[in-house]
């Protein structure tokens, strides 16, 4: 009986630690600032007179 109780308690503590670690990782990922939405490559738009040709 003592071993069964110890095994159940160990499993419960391990599950609680896993859930806590998962929630902590999600909180850290949500805490990072959003990256700016700027294109890495920018192409110049052609002049109006060049588009008509």
Protein backbone atom coordinates (compact mmCIF):
# COMPACT_ATOMS: atom_id res chain seq x y z
CA UNK A 1 0.00 0.00 0.00
CA UNK A 2 2.85 2.37 0.86
CA UNK A 3 4.53 1.89 -2.53
CA UNK A 4 1.27 2.43 -4.39
CA UNK A 5 0.65 5.67 -2.52
CA UNK A 6 4.21 6.84 -3.18
CA UNK A 7 3.90 6.00 -6.88
CA UNK A 8 0.57 7.83 -7.18
CA UNK A 9 1.93 10.86 -5.35
CA UNK A 10 5.04 10.90 -7.55
CA UNK A 11 2.92 10.70 -10.71
CA UNK A 12 0.68 13.53 -9.49
CA UNK A 13 3.65 15.76 -8.67
CA UNK A 14 5.26 14.99 -12.04
CA UNK A 15 2.03 15.85 -13.85
CA UNK A 16 1.71 19.11 -11.92
CA UNK A 17 5.31 20.04 -12.77
CA UNK A 18 4.72 19.27 -16.45
CA UNK A 19 1.60 21.44 -16.55
CA UNK A 20 3.39 24.25 -14.74
CA UNK A 21 6.34 24.10 -17.12
CA UNK A 22 4.00 24.15 -20.12
CA UNK A 23 2.12 27.16 -18.80
CA UNK A 24 5.39 28.92 -18.04
CA UNK A 25 6.69 28.37 -21.57
CA UNK A 26 3.45 29.68 -23.06
CA UNK A 27 3.60 32.75 -20.81
CA UNK A 28 7.18 33.43 -21.90
CA UNK A 29 6.28 33.10 -25.57
CA UNK A 30 3.36 35.48 -25.17
CA UNK A 31 5.58 38.00 -23.36
CA UNK A 32 7.92 38.50 -26.34
CA UNK A 33 7.19 41.67 -28.32
CA UNK A 34 5.72 41.39 -31.80
CA UNK A 35 8.18 41.73 -34.61
CA UNK A 36 7.69 44.64 -37.01
CA UNK A 37 5.94 43.69 -40.21
CA UNK A 38 8.44 45.23 -42.62
CA UNK A 39 9.48 43.51 -45.83
CA UNK A 40 13.12 42.47 -46.07
CA UNK A 41 13.24 43.38 -49.76
CA UNK A 42 11.68 46.53 -51.14
CA UNK A 43 11.20 47.05 -54.87
CA UNK A 44 10.84 50.56 -56.19
CA UNK A 45 7.60 51.16 -58.05
CA UNK A 46 8.15 52.31 -61.63
CA UNK A 47 7.37 55.89 -62.60
CA UNK A 48 4.04 56.59 -64.23
CA UNK A 49 5.56 57.33 -67.63
CA UNK A 50 7.45 54.01 -67.59
CA UNK A 51 4.27 52.02 -66.89
CA UNK A 52 2.52 53.37 -69.99
CA UNK A 53 5.15 52.06 -72.37
